[in-house]
PDB file of N, CA and C in Angstrom:
ATOM      1  N   MET A   1     -66.357 166.427 125.163  1.00  0.00           N
ATOM      2  CA  MET A   1     -65.461 165.900 124.162  1.00  0.00           C
ATOM      3  C   MET A   1     -66.290 165.340 123.013  1.00  0.00           C
ATOM      4  N   ALA A   2     -65.906 165.657 121.813  1.00  0.00           N
ATOM      5  CA  ALA A   2     -66.573 165.130 120.629  1.00  0.00           C
ATOM      6  C   ALA A   2     -66.015 163.756 120.298  1.00  0.00           C
ATOM      7  N   VAL A   3     -66.909 162.815 120.047  1.00  0.00           N
ATOM      8  CA  VAL A   3     -66.520 161.457 119.668  1.00  0.00           C
ATOM      9  C   VAL A   3     -67.247 161.122 118.373  1.00  0.00           C
ATOM     10  N   THR A   4     -66.483 160.673 117.397  1.00  0.00           N
ATOM     11  CA  THR A   4     -67.057 160.237 116.130  1.00  0.00           C
ATOM     12  C   THR A   4     -66.610 158.812 115.875  1.00  0.00           C
ATOM     13  N   VAL A   5     -67.571 157.959 115.505  1.00  0.00           N
ATOM     14  CA  VAL A   5     -67.269 156.576 115.175  1.00  0.00           C
ATOM     15  C   VAL A   5     -67.543 156.393 113.679  1.00  0.00           C
ATOM     16  N   TYR A   6     -66.488 156.093 112.944  1.00  0.00           N
ATOM     17  CA  TYR A   6     -66.613 155.799 111.521  1.00  0.00           C
ATOM     18  C   TYR A   6     -66.881 154.307 111.392  1.00  0.00           C
ATOM     19  N   THR A   7     -67.977 153.953 110.749  1.00  0.00           N
ATOM     20  CA  THR A   7     -68.411 152.568 110.661  1.00  0.00           C
ATOM     21  C   THR A   7     -68.583 152.154 109.208  1.00  0.00           C
ATOM     22  N   LYS A   8     -68.913 150.891 109.032  1.00  0.00           N
ATOM     23  CA  LYS A   8     -69.302 150.391 107.718  1.00  0.00           C
ATOM     24  C   LYS A   8     -70.410 149.371 107.926  1.00  0.00           C
ATOM     25  N   ASP A   9     -71.090 149.014 106.866  1.00  0.00           N
ATOM     26  CA  ASP A   9     -72.178 148.048 106.942  1.00  0.00           C
ATOM     27  C   ASP A   9     -71.660 146.671 107.360  1.00  0.00           C
ATOM     28  N   ASN A  10     -72.488 145.945 108.120  1.00  0.00           N
ATOM     29  CA  ASN A  10     -72.190 144.562 108.510  1.00  0.00           C
ATOM     30  C   ASN A  10     -70.844 144.415 109.217  1.00  0.00           C
ATOM     31  N   CYS A  11     -70.560 145.300 110.152  1.00  0.00           N
ATOM     32  CA  CYS A  11     -69.278 145.333 110.857  1.00  0.00           C
ATOM     33  C   CYS A  11     -69.513 144.987 112.330  1.00  0.00           C
ATOM     34  N   VAL A  12     -69.088 143.799 112.736  1.00  0.00           N
ATOM     35  CA  VAL A  12     -69.297 143.337 114.106  1.00  0.00           C
ATOM     36  C   VAL A  12     -68.564 144.241 115.101  1.00  0.00           C
ATOM     37  N   GLN A  13     -67.321 144.604 114.794  1.00  0.00           N
ATOM     38  CA  GLN A  13     -66.559 145.469 115.706  1.00  0.00           C
ATOM     39  C   GLN A  13     -67.181 146.857 115.806  1.00  0.00           C
ATOM     40  N   CYS A  14     -67.751 147.344 114.712  1.00  0.00           N
ATOM     41  CA  CYS A  14     -68.431 148.645 114.734  1.00  0.00           C
ATOM     42  C   CYS A  14     -69.621 148.582 115.685  1.00  0.00           C
ATOM     43  N   ASP A  15     -70.416 147.527 115.554  1.00  0.00           N
ATOM     44  CA  ASP A  15     -71.589 147.372 116.416  1.00  0.00           C
ATOM     45  C   ASP A  15     -71.178 147.240 117.877  1.00  0.00           C
ATOM     46  N   ALA A  16     -70.111 146.503 118.152  1.00  0.00           N
ATOM     47  CA  ALA A  16     -69.636 146.342 119.525  1.00  0.00           C
ATOM     48  C   ALA A  16     -69.161 147.675 120.094  1.00  0.00           C
ATOM     49  N   THR A  17     -68.500 148.475 119.290  1.00  0.00           N
ATOM     50  CA  THR A  17     -68.024 149.785 119.737  1.00  0.00           C
ATOM     51  C   THR A  17     -69.204 150.688 120.093  1.00  0.00           C
ATOM     52  N   LYS A  18     -70.209 150.726 119.239  1.00  0.00           N
ATOM     53  CA  LYS A  18     -71.376 151.569 119.505  1.00  0.00           C
ATOM     54  C   LYS A  18     -72.142 151.087 120.735  1.00  0.00           C
ATOM     55  N   ARG A  19     -72.294 149.767 120.894  1.00  0.00           N
ATOM     56  CA  ARG A  19     -72.966 149.236 122.089  1.00  0.00           C
ATOM     57  C   ARG A  19     -72.211 149.602 123.363  1.00  0.00           C
ATOM     58  N   HIS A  20     -70.896 149.527 123.310  1.00  0.00           N
ATOM     59  CA  HIS A  20     -70.063 149.861 124.462  1.00  0.00           C
ATOM     60  C   HIS A  20     -70.235 151.333 124.836  1.00  0.00           C
ATOM     61  N   LEU A  21     -70.190 152.208 123.854  1.00  0.00           N
ATOM     62  CA  LEU A  21     -70.375 153.635 124.124  1.00  0.00           C
ATOM     63  C   LEU A  21     -71.773 153.912 124.660  1.00  0.00           C
ATOM     64  N   ASP A  22     -72.774 153.230 124.121  1.00  0.00           N
ATOM     65  CA  ASP A  22     -74.141 153.392 124.622  1.00  0.00           C
ATOM     66  C   ASP A  22     -74.230 152.974 126.085  1.00  0.00           C
ATOM     67  N   LYS A  23     -73.607 151.859 126.425  1.00  0.00           N
ATOM     68  CA  LYS A  23     -73.619 151.351 127.802  1.00  0.00           C
ATOM     69  C   LYS A  23     -72.972 152.346 128.764  1.00  0.00           C
ATOM     70  N   LEU A  24     -71.925 153.035 128.276  1.00  0.00           N
ATOM     71  CA  LEU A  24     -71.215 154.020 129.097  1.00  0.00           C
ATOM     72  C   LEU A  24     -71.902 155.390 129.082  1.00  0.00           C
ATOM     73  N   ASP A  25     -72.958 155.538 128.298  1.00  0.00           N
ATOM     74  CA  ASP A  25     -73.643 156.824 128.117  1.00  0.00           C
ATOM     75  C   ASP A  25     -72.723 157.911 127.577  1.00  0.00           C
ATOM     76  N   VAL A  26     -71.827 157.518 126.686  1.00  0.00           N
ATOM     77  CA  VAL A  26     -70.934 158.469 126.025  1.00  0.00           C
ATOM     78  C   VAL A  26     -71.592 158.870 124.707  1.00  0.00           C
ATOM     79  N   PRO A  27     -71.897 160.159 124.538  1.00  0.00           N
ATOM     80  CA  PRO A  27     -72.504 160.590 123.266  1.00  0.00           C
ATOM     81  C   PRO A  27     -71.482 160.533 122.129  1.00  0.00           C
ATOM     82  N   TYR A  28     -71.965 160.166 120.958  1.00  0.00           N
ATOM     83  CA  TYR A  28     -71.082 160.065 119.799  1.00  0.00           C
ATOM     84  C   TYR A  28     -71.892 160.263 118.526  1.00  0.00           C
ATOM     85  N   ASN A  29     -71.178 160.618 117.481  1.00  0.00           N
ATOM     86  CA  ASN A  29     -71.750 160.714 116.143  1.00  0.00           C
ATOM     87  C   ASN A  29     -71.223 159.542 115.327  1.00  0.00           C
ATOM     88  N   THR A  30     -72.019 159.057 114.393  1.00  0.00           N
ATOM     89  CA  THR A  30     -71.538 157.998 113.515  1.00  0.00           C
ATOM     90  C   THR A  30     -71.525 158.490 112.081  1.00  0.00           C
ATOM     91  N   ILE A  31     -70.539 158.015 111.354  1.00  0.00           N
ATOM     92  CA  ILE A  31     -70.441 158.265 109.927  1.00  0.00           C
ATOM     93  C   ILE A  31     -70.181 156.922 109.268  1.00  0.00           C
ATOM     94  N   ASN A  32     -71.083 156.514 108.393  1.00  0.00           N
ATOM     95  CA  ASN A  32     -70.949 155.248 107.699  1.00  0.00           C
ATOM     96  C   ASN A  32     -70.143 155.473 106.422  1.00  0.00           C
ATOM     97  N   VAL A  33     -68.935 154.929 106.390  1.00  0.00           N
ATOM     98  CA  VAL A  33     -68.061 155.159 105.239  1.00  0.00           C
ATOM     99  C   VAL A  33     -68.502 154.366 104.012  1.00  0.00           C
ATOM    100  N   THR A  34     -69.438 153.443 104.199  1.00  0.00           N
ATOM    101  CA  THR A  34     -70.010 152.739 103.046  1.00  0.00           C
ATOM    102  C   THR A  34     -70.780 153.731 102.182  1.00  0.00           C
ATOM    103  N   ASN A  35     -71.396 154.710 102.841  1.00  0.00           N
ATOM    104  CA  ASN A  35     -72.226 155.689 102.144  1.00  0.00           C
ATOM    105  C   ASN A  35     -71.540 157.041 101.924  1.00  0.00           C
ATOM    106  N   ASP A  36     -70.405 157.246 102.568  1.00  0.00           N
ATOM    107  CA  ASP A  36     -69.735 158.545 102.521  1.00  0.00           C
ATOM    108  C   ASP A  36     -68.302 158.365 102.021  1.00  0.00           C
ATOM    109  N   ILE A  37     -68.138 158.434 100.719  1.00  0.00           N
ATOM    110  CA  ILE A  37     -66.836 158.192 100.098  1.00  0.00           C
ATOM    111  C   ILE A  37     -65.803 159.221 100.538  1.00  0.00           C
ATOM    112  N   ARG A  38     -66.209 160.462 100.770  1.00  0.00           N
ATOM    113  CA  ARG A  38     -65.257 161.486 101.224  1.00  0.00           C
ATOM    114  C   ARG A  38     -64.712 161.131 102.599  1.00  0.00           C
ATOM    115  N   ALA A  39     -65.569 160.633 103.493  1.00  0.00           N
ATOM    116  CA  ALA A  39     -65.105 160.216 104.817  1.00  0.00           C
ATOM    117  C   ALA A  39     -64.159 159.027 104.699  1.00  0.00           C
ATOM    118  N   LEU A  40     -64.476 158.086 103.817  1.00  0.00           N
ATOM    119  CA  LEU A  40     -63.589 156.942 103.598  1.00  0.00           C
ATOM    120  C   LEU A  40     -62.227 157.402 103.103  1.00  0.00           C
ATOM    121  N   ASP A  41     -62.216 158.312 102.146  1.00  0.00           N
ATOM    122  CA  ASP A  41     -60.945 158.841 101.632  1.00  0.00           C
ATOM    123  C   ASP A  41     -60.142 159.517 102.737  1.00  0.00           C
ATOM    124  N   LYS A  42     -60.821 160.235 103.630  1.00  0.00           N
ATOM    125  CA  LYS A  42     -60.141 160.894 104.742  1.00  0.00           C
ATOM    126  C   LYS A  42     -59.470 159.864 105.642  1.00  0.00           C
ATOM    127  N   LEU A  43     -60.182 158.798 105.987  1.00  0.00           N
ATOM    128  CA  LEU A  43     -59.613 157.770 106.853  1.00  0.00           C
ATOM    129  C   LEU A  43     -58.427 157.074 106.193  1.00  0.00           C
ATOM    130  N   ILE A  44     -58.560 156.789 104.916  1.00  0.00           N
ATOM    131  CA  ILE A  44     -57.454 156.155 104.192  1.00  0.00           C
ATOM    132  C   ILE A  44     -56.237 157.063 104.175  1.00  0.00           C
ATOM    133  N   SER A  45     -56.443 158.376 104.006  1.00  0.00           N
ATOM    134  CA  SER A  45     -55.316 159.316 103.985  1.00  0.00           C
ATOM    135  C   SER A  45     -54.634 159.395 105.346  1.00  0.00           C
ATOM    136  N   LEU A  46     -55.381 159.077 106.414  1.00  0.00           N
ATOM    137  CA  LEU A  46     -54.800 159.060 107.764  1.00  0.00           C
ATOM    138  C   LEU A  46     -54.157 157.719 108.097  1.00  0.00           C
ATOM    139  N   GLY A  47     -54.249 156.768 107.177  1.00  0.00           N
ATOM    140  CA  GLY A  47     -53.595 155.483 107.370  1.00  0.00           C
ATOM    141  C   GLY A  47     -54.491 154.367 107.894  1.00  0.00           C
ATOM    142  N   TYR A  48     -55.766 154.635 108.043  1.00  0.00           N
ATOM    143  CA  TYR A  48     -56.680 153.612 108.539  1.00  0.00           C
ATOM    144  C   TYR A  48     -57.196 152.771 107.378  1.00  0.00           C
ATOM    145  N   ARG A  49     -57.254 151.463 107.614  1.00  0.00           N
ATOM    146  CA  ARG A  49     -57.709 150.541 106.578  1.00  0.00           C
ATOM    147  C   ARG A  49     -58.838 149.626 107.052  1.00  0.00           C
ATOM    148  N   SER A  50     -59.253 149.779 108.308  1.00  0.00           N
ATOM    149  CA  SER A  50     -60.322 148.929 108.830  1.00  0.00           C
ATOM    150  C   SER A  50     -61.237 149.738 109.728  1.00  0.00           C
ATOM    151  N   ALA A  51     -62.433 149.228 109.908  1.00  0.00           N
ATOM    152  CA  ALA A  51     -63.423 149.899 110.744  1.00  0.00           C
ATOM    153  C   ALA A  51     -63.661 149.058 111.991  1.00  0.00           C
ATOM    154  N   PRO A  52     -64.101 149.675 113.040  1.00  0.00           N
ATOM    155  CA  PRO A  52     -64.432 151.085 113.164  1.00  0.00           C
ATOM    156  C   PRO A  52     -63.184 151.925 113.401  1.00  0.00           C
ATOM    157  N   VAL A  53     -63.313 153.206 113.157  1.00  0.00           N
ATOM    158  CA  VAL A  53     -62.299 154.179 113.556  1.00  0.00           C
ATOM    159  C   VAL A  53     -62.994 155.145 114.504  1.00  0.00           C
ATOM    160  N   VAL A  54     -62.430 155.289 115.701  1.00  0.00           N
ATOM    161  CA  VAL A  54     -62.964 156.206 116.705  1.00  0.00           C
ATOM    162  C   VAL A  54     -62.057 157.430 116.737  1.00  0.00           C
ATOM    163  N   VAL A  55     -62.664 158.598 116.607  1.00  0.00           N
ATOM    164  CA  VAL A  55     -61.904 159.855 116.623  1.00  0.00           C
ATOM    165  C   VAL A  55     -62.451 160.721 117.748  1.00  0.00           C
ATOM    166  N   THR A  56     -61.539 161.170 118.634  1.00  0.00           N
ATOM    167  CA  THR A  56     -61.902 162.091 119.708  1.00  0.00           C
ATOM    168  C   THR A  56     -61.146 163.389 119.496  1.00  0.00           C
ATOM    169  N   ASP A  57     -61.290 164.309 120.437  1.00  0.00           N
ATOM    170  CA  ASP A  57     -60.598 165.592 120.306  1.00  0.00           C
ATOM    171  C   ASP A  57     -59.085 165.440 120.264  1.00  0.00           C
ATOM    172  N   ASP A  58     -58.562 164.415 120.953  1.00  0.00           N
ATOM    173  CA  ASP A  58     -57.102 164.301 121.059  1.00  0.00           C
ATOM    174  C   ASP A  58     -56.553 162.909 120.777  1.00  0.00           C
ATOM    175  N   ASP A  59     -57.361 162.017 120.201  1.00  0.00           N
ATOM    176  CA  ASP A  59     -56.896 160.656 119.951  1.00  0.00           C
ATOM    177  C   ASP A  59     -57.724 160.044 118.828  1.00  0.00           C
ATOM    178  N   SER A  60     -57.206 158.980 118.251  1.00  0.00           N
ATOM    179  CA  SER A  60     -57.962 158.185 117.285  1.00  0.00           C
ATOM    180  C   SER A  60     -57.369 156.788 117.249  1.00  0.00           C
ATOM    181  N   TRP A  61     -58.227 155.813 116.943  1.00  0.00           N
ATOM    182  CA  TRP A  61     -57.762 154.436 116.839  1.00  0.00           C
ATOM    183  C   TRP A  61     -58.747 153.634 116.007  1.00  0.00           C
ATOM    184  N   ALA A  62     -58.270 152.484 115.546  1.00  0.00           N
ATOM    185  CA  ALA A  62     -59.114 151.580 114.766  1.00  0.00           C
ATOM    186  C   ALA A  62     -59.409 150.335 115.583  1.00  0.00           C
ATOM    187  N   GLY A  63     -60.593 149.782 115.379  1.00  0.00           N
ATOM    188  CA  GLY A  63     -60.976 148.545 116.028  1.00  0.00           C
ATOM    189  C   GLY A  63     -61.751 148.766 117.308  1.00  0.00           C
ATOM    190  N   TYR A  64     -62.242 147.662 117.843  1.00  0.00           N
ATOM    191  CA  TYR A  64     -62.959 147.677 119.117  1.00  0.00           C
ATOM    192  C   TYR A  64     -61.929 147.564 120.223  1.00  0.00           C
ATOM    193  N   VAL A  65     -61.718 148.670 120.969  1.00  0.00           N
ATOM    194  CA  VAL A  65     -60.693 148.736 122.015  1.00  0.00           C
ATOM    195  C   VAL A  65     -61.375 149.148 123.320  1.00  0.00           C
ATOM    196  N   PRO A  66     -61.859 148.168 124.108  1.00  0.00           N
ATOM    197  CA  PRO A  66     -62.625 148.471 125.317  1.00  0.00           C
ATOM    198  C   PRO A  66     -61.926 149.410 126.298  1.00  0.00           C
ATOM    199  N   ASP A  67     -60.627 149.247 126.509  1.00  0.00           N
ATOM    200  CA  ASP A  67     -59.928 150.117 127.467  1.00  0.00           C
ATOM    201  C   ASP A  67     -59.976 151.579 127.037  1.00  0.00           C
ATOM    202  N   LYS A  68     -59.794 151.838 125.752  1.00  0.00           N
ATOM    203  CA  LYS A  68     -59.860 153.223 125.287  1.00  0.00           C
ATOM    204  C   LYS A  68     -61.280 153.762 125.379  1.00  0.00           C
ATOM    205  N   LEU A  69     -62.261 152.930 125.070  1.00  0.00           N
ATOM    206  CA  LEU A  69     -63.655 153.355 125.177  1.00  0.00           C
ATOM    207  C   LEU A  69     -64.016 153.654 126.628  1.00  0.00           C
ATOM    208  N   ASN A  70     -63.563 152.823 127.557  1.00  0.00           N
ATOM    209  CA  ASN A  70     -63.814 153.085 128.972  1.00  0.00           C
ATOM    210  C   ASN A  70     -63.227 154.412 129.409  1.00  0.00           C
ATOM    211  N   GLY A  71     -62.075 154.773 128.842  1.00  0.00           N
ATOM    212  CA  GLY A  71     -61.436 156.039 129.178  1.00  0.00           C
ATOM    213  C   GLY A  71     -62.256 157.248 128.752  1.00  0.00           C
ATOM    214  N   LEU A  72     -63.126 157.078 127.793  1.00  0.00           N
ATOM    215  CA  LEU A  72     -63.964 158.182 127.343  1.00  0.00           C
ATOM    216  C   LEU A  72     -65.058 158.518 128.349  1.00  0.00           C
ATOM    217  N   ALA A  73     -65.356 157.592 129.241  1.00  0.00           N
ATOM    218  CA  ALA A  73     -66.420 157.812 130.235  1.00  0.00           C
ATOM    219  C   ALA A  73     -65.903 158.503 131.485  1.00  0.00           C
ATOM    220  N   GLU A  74     -64.606 158.655 131.591  1.00  0.00           N
ATOM    221  CA  GLU A  74     -64.025 159.258 132.797  1.00  0.00           C
ATOM    222  C   GLU A  74     -64.033 160.762 132.731  1.00  0.00           C
TER     223      GLU A  74
END
């Protein structure tokens, strides 16, 4: 399953999300929307207004959500 974490600079929840995925050994890609305006525009068009945004093959959500992250390790 592909996992992408959209982050921004100085984001505590973004860092917590990445640490959680690292602890679970779930591979993921990161895209920093501070540096990638096209990615930011995409997230805004999908209705997201805060980081992090986690996108998987069949789900997406905003914020640090441990239960959903744990589900990615199953």
